[in-house]
């Protein structure tokens, strides 16, 4: 069987801080309240995406990688990650401020958890008035002052706070302290890893008066305490061509604003390509004659053995394109 572009059933996560933006964005009816995350493409244990279209419908992503190997993910990816899909793609809708976190890098995660680390990026789909997020530090601190600031409740004072609007992009290499603020709705592309160290949670308590567990000591060795000039990604929008938002060893992500038929050549890329539709609707046709429709809130996985695709928008369409 020839591989074709794959769609997946979203894995919706009901979380105390979730809202209703994900349901509205994805056109889910009736609208579901309290959905904090939608895992769009995932091979995390216990949360493996299931294919929603074509002959492979009902099979999960791990099964299909096991069968098709580099044909689906690319030679280098299969040699490096085996049957684990290297990226986790999700939508996050924060109705409340999320805890302040950091993720370990590959070396630390391997040593402590036998896992990959977690470098990620955020694309802001929508933001309520006054919405913000934290990324990086605005004031210098070190491991000692970090521990003290957690104890005396001043940690937030050190963080770089960013007001956000639709289309903003933030790159979060492993080690960068970060948090999503209330009213922020984002697409997240990250390494496949579920290792998170919770640094600070605003002294919030549950119904029994208990604060959530913090990982103060684990985080101390993971944090990048350096100050940087800018934590936000700058880019210039261009119609009908790929605009690079981020390129690192873990993923490259481009923005495609498509207003007319375009083609994308993947013959030189040894990787799958994922499209995440941020707005509008289009038809995608590959060089093997497969075609499918993708609309706002949907994601599609283009197999690595695909040489090229043509994108035909119905009106204007906005896509994130990501690959390794």
Protein backbone atom coordinates (compact mmCIF):
# COMPACT_ATOMS: atom_id res chain seq x y z
CA UNK A 1 0.00 0.00 0.00
CA UNK A 2 1.22 3.48 -0.84
CA UNK A 3 1.35 5.82 2.12
CA UNK A 4 -0.87 8.88 1.98
CA UNK A 5 -1.38 12.07 4.07
CA UNK A 6 -2.66 11.05 7.51
CA UNK A 7 -5.18 12.77 9.75
CA UNK A 8 -5.63 11.81 13.39
CA UNK A 9 -8.34 11.90 16.02
CA UNK A 10 -7.48 14.69 18.47
CA UNK A 11 -6.72 13.66 22.05
CA UNK A 12 -8.66 16.21 24.11
CA UNK A 13 -7.48 16.88 27.67
CA UNK A 14 -9.96 18.19 30.22
CA UNK A 15 -7.90 20.26 32.68
CA UNK A 16 -8.97 22.59 35.50
CA UNK A 17 -7.47 25.62 33.72
CA UNK A 18 -8.90 24.78 30.28
CA UNK A 19 -11.48 26.88 28.44
CA UNK A 20 -13.62 26.48 25.32
CA UNK A 21 -11.32 27.94 22.63
CA UNK A 22 -10.13 24.55 21.38
CA UNK A 23 -13.68 23.33 20.69
CA UNK A 24 -14.54 26.57 18.87
CA UNK A 25 -11.29 26.59 16.88
CA UNK A 26 -11.66 22.97 15.81
CA UNK A 27 -15.40 23.25 15.11
CA UNK A 28 -16.31 20.62 17.71
CA UNK A 29 -20.04 20.59 18.48
CA UNK A 30 -21.40 20.86 21.07
CA UNK A 31 -18.70 23.16 22.45
CA UNK A 32 -16.79 21.48 25.25
CA UNK A 33 -15.80 23.51 28.29
CA UNK A 34 -12.61 22.92 30.26
CA UNK A 35 -10.51 21.49 27.42
CA UNK A 36 -6.99 22.69 28.15
CA UNK A 37 -5.10 20.77 25.47
CA UNK A 38 -5.67 18.95 22.21
CA UNK A 39 -2.85 16.58 21.34
CA UNK A 40 -2.88 16.63 17.56
CA UNK A 41 -0.01 14.26 16.68
CA UNK A 42 1.49 12.24 19.52
CA UNK A 43 3.31 9.00 20.23
CA UNK A 44 3.64 9.61 23.98
CA UNK A 45 2.93 6.39 25.90
CA UNK A 46 -0.76 6.24 26.78
CA UNK A 47 -1.50 9.08 24.38
CA UNK A 48 -0.72 7.67 20.93
CA UNK A 49 -2.63 9.31 18.07
CA UNK A 50 -5.06 7.14 16.09
CA UNK A 51 -5.43 7.61 12.32
CA UNK A 52 -8.79 9.04 11.24
CA UNK A 53 -8.74 8.63 7.43
CA UNK A 54 -8.13 6.14 4.63
CA UNK A 55 -7.07 2.50 4.68
CA UNK A 56 -5.07 2.88 7.89
CA UNK A 57 -8.00 4.37 9.84
CA UNK A 58 -8.10 3.00 13.39
CA UNK A 59 -4.40 2.14 13.53
CA UNK A 60 -2.22 4.16 15.87
CA UNK A 61 0.89 6.15 14.97
CA UNK A 62 3.31 3.72 16.63
CA UNK A 63 1.85 0.76 14.69
CA UNK A 64 2.20 2.60 11.41
CA UNK A 65 5.81 3.69 12.10
CA UNK A 66 6.60 0.05 13.02
CA UNK A 67 5.24 -1.08 9.64
CA UNK A 68 6.48 1.68 7.35
CA UNK A 69 9.62 2.86 9.19
CA UNK A 70 11.66 5.45 7.23
CA UNK A 71 8.99 5.52 4.51
CA UNK A 72 6.81 7.42 7.00
CA UNK A 73 9.27 9.35 9.19
CA UNK A 74 12.53 9.47 7.21
CA UNK A 75 15.75 7.45 7.47
CA UNK A 76 17.52 9.64 10.04
CA UNK A 77 14.43 9.96 12.22
CA UNK A 78 13.84 6.20 12.23
CA UNK A 79 17.50 5.49 13.06
CA UNK A 80 17.42 8.07 15.88
CA UNK A 81 13.96 7.60 17.40
CA UNK A 82 12.83 4.14 16.29
CA UNK A 83 9.05 3.81 16.54
CA UNK A 84 8.72 6.98 18.64
CA UNK A 85 7.44 9.92 16.61
CA UNK A 86 9.99 12.68 17.34
CA UNK A 87 7.53 15.57 17.77
CA UNK A 88 4.47 16.25 19.89
CA UNK A 89 2.07 18.77 18.35
CA UNK A 90 -0.71 20.24 20.45
CA UNK A 91 -3.08 23.18 21.01
CA UNK A 92 -3.18 24.75 24.48
CA UNK A 93 -5.99 26.97 25.79
CA UNK A 94 -5.13 28.62 29.11
CA UNK A 95 -8.12 30.14 30.90
CA UNK A 96 -5.95 30.64 33.99
CA UNK A 97 -2.24 31.31 34.55
CA UNK A 98 -0.29 28.08 34.13
CA UNK A 99 2.49 27.12 36.51
CA UNK A 100 6.01 28.34 35.80
CA UNK A 101 8.10 25.50 34.41
CA UNK A 102 11.35 24.40 32.88
CA UNK A 103 12.29 21.32 30.87
CA UNK A 104 15.62 19.47 30.97
CA UNK A 105 17.86 19.11 27.93
CA UNK A 106 18.62 15.75 26.29
CA UNK A 107 21.64 15.00 28.46
CA UNK A 108 19.93 15.67 31.79
CA UNK A 109 16.67 13.98 30.73
CA UNK A 110 18.56 10.89 29.55
CA UNK A 111 20.54 10.72 32.79
CA UNK A 112 17.56 11.22 35.11
CA UNK A 113 14.57 9.83 33.23
CA UNK A 114 15.94 7.84 30.26
CA UNK A 115 13.98 10.29 28.11
CA UNK A 116 14.61 12.92 25.48
CA UNK A 117 14.70 16.51 26.67
CA UNK A 118 12.14 19.09 25.68
CA UNK A 119 12.80 21.99 23.38
CA UNK A 120 9.61 23.60 22.09
CA UNK A 121 8.06 26.58 20.34
CA UNK A 122 4.79 28.46 20.64
CA UNK A 123 2.67 30.14 17.97
CA UNK A 124 -0.04 32.38 19.45
CA UNK A 125 -3.33 31.55 17.72
CA UNK A 126 -5.33 34.05 19.74
CA UNK A 127 -4.95 36.19 22.83
CA UNK A 128 -7.50 37.94 25.04
CA UNK A 129 -6.87 41.61 25.92
CA UNK A 130 -4.10 41.75 28.51
CA UNK A 131 -2.91 38.19 27.84
CA UNK A 132 0.77 37.53 28.49
CA UNK A 133 3.34 34.82 28.91
CA UNK A 134 6.69 34.43 30.63
CA UNK A 135 9.82 33.42 28.75
CA UNK A 136 13.33 33.80 30.16
CA UNK A 137 14.72 36.23 32.74
CA UNK A 138 14.68 40.02 32.87
CA UNK A 139 16.98 40.18 35.93
CA UNK A 140 20.09 38.16 36.65
CA UNK A 141 19.80 35.33 39.14
CA UNK A 142 21.85 32.28 40.05
CA UNK A 143 21.06 28.90 41.64
CA UNK A 144 21.29 30.33 45.16
CA UNK A 145 19.10 33.39 44.55
CA UNK A 146 16.69 31.14 42.64
CA UNK A 147 16.07 28.91 45.67
CA UNK A 148 15.72 31.97 47.93
CA UNK A 149 13.21 33.60 45.54
CA UNK A 150 11.00 30.50 45.63
CA UNK A 151 11.03 30.58 49.43
CA UNK A 152 10.28 34.30 49.73
CA UNK A 153 7.74 34.39 46.85
CA UNK A 154 9.70 36.81 44.61
CA UNK A 155 10.59 34.46 41.73
CA UNK A 156 8.14 36.06 39.30
CA UNK A 157 9.93 39.41 39.69
CA UNK A 158 12.93 37.99 37.84
CA UNK A 159 11.01 36.76 34.81
CA UNK A 160 10.66 38.43 31.41
CA UNK A 161 6.93 39.07 30.89
CA UNK A 162 5.64 39.45 27.33
CA UNK A 163 2.27 40.85 26.29
CA UNK A 164 1.05 38.66 23.44
CA UNK A 165 -1.11 38.97 20.36
CA UNK A 166 -2.19 36.70 17.52
CA UNK A 167 0.78 35.55 15.43
CA UNK A 168 3.47 35.99 18.08
CA UNK A 169 6.14 33.28 18.15
CA UNK A 170 8.39 32.18 21.00
CA UNK A 171 11.19 29.61 20.84
CA UNK A 172 11.80 27.79 24.13
CA UNK A 173 15.01 25.78 24.16
CA UNK A 174 15.35 23.27 26.98
CA UNK A 175 16.41 25.16 30.11
CA UNK A 176 14.38 28.30 29.44
CA UNK A 177 11.94 29.15 32.23
CA UNK A 178 8.44 29.79 30.85
CA UNK A 179 4.72 29.92 31.56
CA UNK A 180 1.54 30.60 29.60
CA UNK A 181 -0.72 33.32 31.01
CA UNK A 182 -4.51 33.40 31.21
CA UNK A 183 -6.31 34.16 27.95
CA UNK A 184 -3.56 32.77 25.72
CA UNK A 185 -4.38 30.17 23.05
CA UNK A 186 -1.37 28.63 21.34
CA UNK A 187 -0.09 25.91 19.04
CA UNK A 188 2.91 24.11 20.54
CA UNK A 189 5.52 22.07 18.67
CA UNK A 190 7.94 20.19 20.91
CA UNK A 191 10.24 17.24 21.23
CA UNK A 192 8.42 14.09 22.26
CA UNK A 193 8.95 14.26 25.99
CA UNK A 194 6.66 14.60 28.97
CA UNK A 195 9.34 15.73 31.45
CA UNK A 196 8.34 18.97 33.16
CA UNK A 197 9.78 20.55 36.31
CA UNK A 198 7.27 22.79 38.05
CA UNK A 199 9.10 25.75 39.60
CA UNK A 200 6.35 28.00 40.90
CA UNK A 201 2.56 27.84 41.13
CA UNK A 202 1.57 31.16 42.76
CA UNK A 203 1.02 29.39 46.13
CA UNK A 204 -2.28 28.03 44.78
CA UNK A 205 -4.03 25.29 46.74
CA UNK A 206 -6.47 22.54 45.84
CA UNK A 207 -9.86 21.90 47.46
CA UNK A 208 -8.07 20.31 50.42
CA UNK A 209 -5.76 23.28 50.90
CA UNK A 210 -2.70 21.50 49.49
CA UNK A 211 -0.21 23.23 47.21
CA UNK A 212 0.93 21.37 44.09
CA UNK A 213 4.31 19.69 44.24
CA UNK A 214 7.25 21.84 43.14
CA UNK A 215 10.47 20.47 41.67
CA UNK A 216 12.77 23.16 43.03
CA UNK A 217 15.94 21.09 43.27
CA UNK A 218 15.42 19.14 40.02
CA UNK A 219 14.79 22.41 38.18
CA UNK A 220 17.88 24.11 39.59
CA UNK A 221 20.22 22.00 37.44
CA UNK A 222 18.01 22.34 34.36
CA UNK A 223 17.59 26.14 34.27
CA UNK A 224 19.54 28.34 31.86
CA UNK A 225 20.24 31.39 34.06
CA UNK A 226 21.74 33.50 31.23
CA UNK A 227 20.07 36.74 30.16
CA UNK A 228 19.26 37.21 26.46
CA UNK A 229 18.52 40.35 24.45
CA UNK A 230 15.24 39.09 23.06
CA UNK A 231 13.04 36.09 23.76
CA UNK A 232 10.48 36.67 21.03
CA UNK A 233 10.95 35.49 17.44
CA UNK A 234 10.81 38.19 14.76
CA UNK A 235 9.60 37.37 11.28
CA UNK A 236 8.19 39.14 8.23
CA UNK A 237 4.96 37.83 6.77
CA UNK A 238 4.99 36.96 3.06
CA UNK A 239 2.19 35.47 1.01
CA UNK A 240 2.61 32.21 -0.90
CA UNK A 241 6.10 31.36 0.27
CA UNK A 242 7.53 29.67 3.33
CA UNK A 243 8.58 32.05 6.12
CA UNK A 244 10.92 30.37 8.57
CA UNK A 245 9.83 30.83 12.19
CA UNK A 246 12.35 28.53 13.81
CA UNK A 247 15.01 26.04 12.79
CA UNK A 248 16.88 23.99 15.36
CA UNK A 249 18.23 20.45 15.53
CA UNK A 250 14.82 19.18 16.69
CA UNK A 251 12.48 20.82 14.18
CA UNK A 252 12.10 23.43 11.49
CA UNK A 253 8.81 25.32 11.42
CA UNK A 254 7.64 27.60 8.63
CA UNK A 255 4.56 29.79 8.24
CA UNK A 256 2.62 29.51 4.98
CA UNK A 257 0.06 32.19 4.14
CA UNK A 258 -1.52 30.82 0.99
CA UNK A 259 -3.79 32.88 -1.24
CA UNK A 260 -3.25 31.00 -4.53
CA UNK A 261 -2.17 27.52 -5.65
CA UNK A 262 1.41 26.77 -4.60
CA UNK A 263 3.64 23.69 -4.56
CA UNK A 264 6.15 22.52 -1.96
CA UNK A 265 9.15 20.37 -2.93
CA UNK A 266 10.21 17.87 -0.23
CA UNK A 267 12.54 15.74 -2.37
CA UNK A 268 15.60 16.97 -0.43
CA UNK A 269 14.08 16.56 3.04
CA UNK A 270 14.67 13.26 4.84
CA UNK A 271 11.64 13.72 7.09
CA UNK A 272 7.89 13.63 7.38
CA UNK A 273 6.17 17.03 7.14
CA UNK A 274 3.29 18.05 9.40
CA UNK A 275 0.79 20.77 8.52
CA UNK A 276 -1.22 22.46 11.26
CA UNK A 277 -4.04 24.59 9.89
CA UNK A 278 -4.28 27.91 11.73
CA UNK A 279 -7.08 29.34 9.60
CA UNK A 280 -9.07 28.78 6.43
CA UNK A 281 -9.29 25.63 4.36
CA UNK A 282 -7.33 24.07 1.51
CA UNK A 283 -6.84 20.96 -0.59
CA UNK A 284 -3.49 19.17 -0.40
CA UNK A 285 -2.47 16.87 -3.26
CA UNK A 286 0.77 14.87 -3.27
CA UNK A 287 2.91 13.57 -6.15
CA UNK A 288 1.39 10.08 -5.68
CA UNK A 289 -2.10 11.34 -6.55
CA UNK A 290 -3.46 11.39 -3.00
CA UNK A 291 -5.47 14.41 -2.00
CA UNK A 292 -7.38 15.57 1.04
CA UNK A 293 -8.95 18.64 2.55
CA UNK A 294 -7.63 20.32 5.68
CA UNK A 295 -9.39 23.08 7.56
CA UNK A 296 -8.81 25.28 10.60
CA UNK A 297 -7.94 23.27 13.70
CA UNK A 298 -6.85 20.15 11.80
CA UNK A 299 -3.38 18.67 11.44
CA UNK A 300 -2.08 16.32 8.77
CA UNK A 301 1.07 14.20 8.52
CA UNK A 302 2.75 13.99 5.11
CA UNK A 303 4.87 10.80 4.84
CA UNK A 304 8.62 11.14 4.27
CA UNK A 305 8.46 9.29 0.93
CA UNK A 306 6.38 12.15 -0.51
CA UNK A 307 8.35 14.16 -3.07
CA UNK A 308 6.08 17.18 -3.39
CA UNK A 309 2.63 18.53 -2.60
CA UNK A 310 0.42 21.18 -4.13
CA UNK A 311 -1.74 23.36 -1.90
CA UNK A 312 -4.96 24.81 -3.30
CA UNK A 313 -6.60 27.27 -0.89
CA UNK A 314 -10.31 27.89 -0.67
CA UNK A 315 -9.97 31.59 0.04
CA UNK A 316 -6.97 32.35 2.25
CA UNK A 317 -5.36 29.66 4.38
CA UNK A 318 -2.74 29.86 7.14
CA UNK A 319 -0.57 26.79 7.81
CA UNK A 320 2.29 25.91 10.09
CA UNK A 321 4.65 23.51 8.29
CA UNK A 322 7.04 21.54 10.47
CA UNK A 323 9.60 18.78 9.93
CA UNK A 324 12.85 17.48 11.39
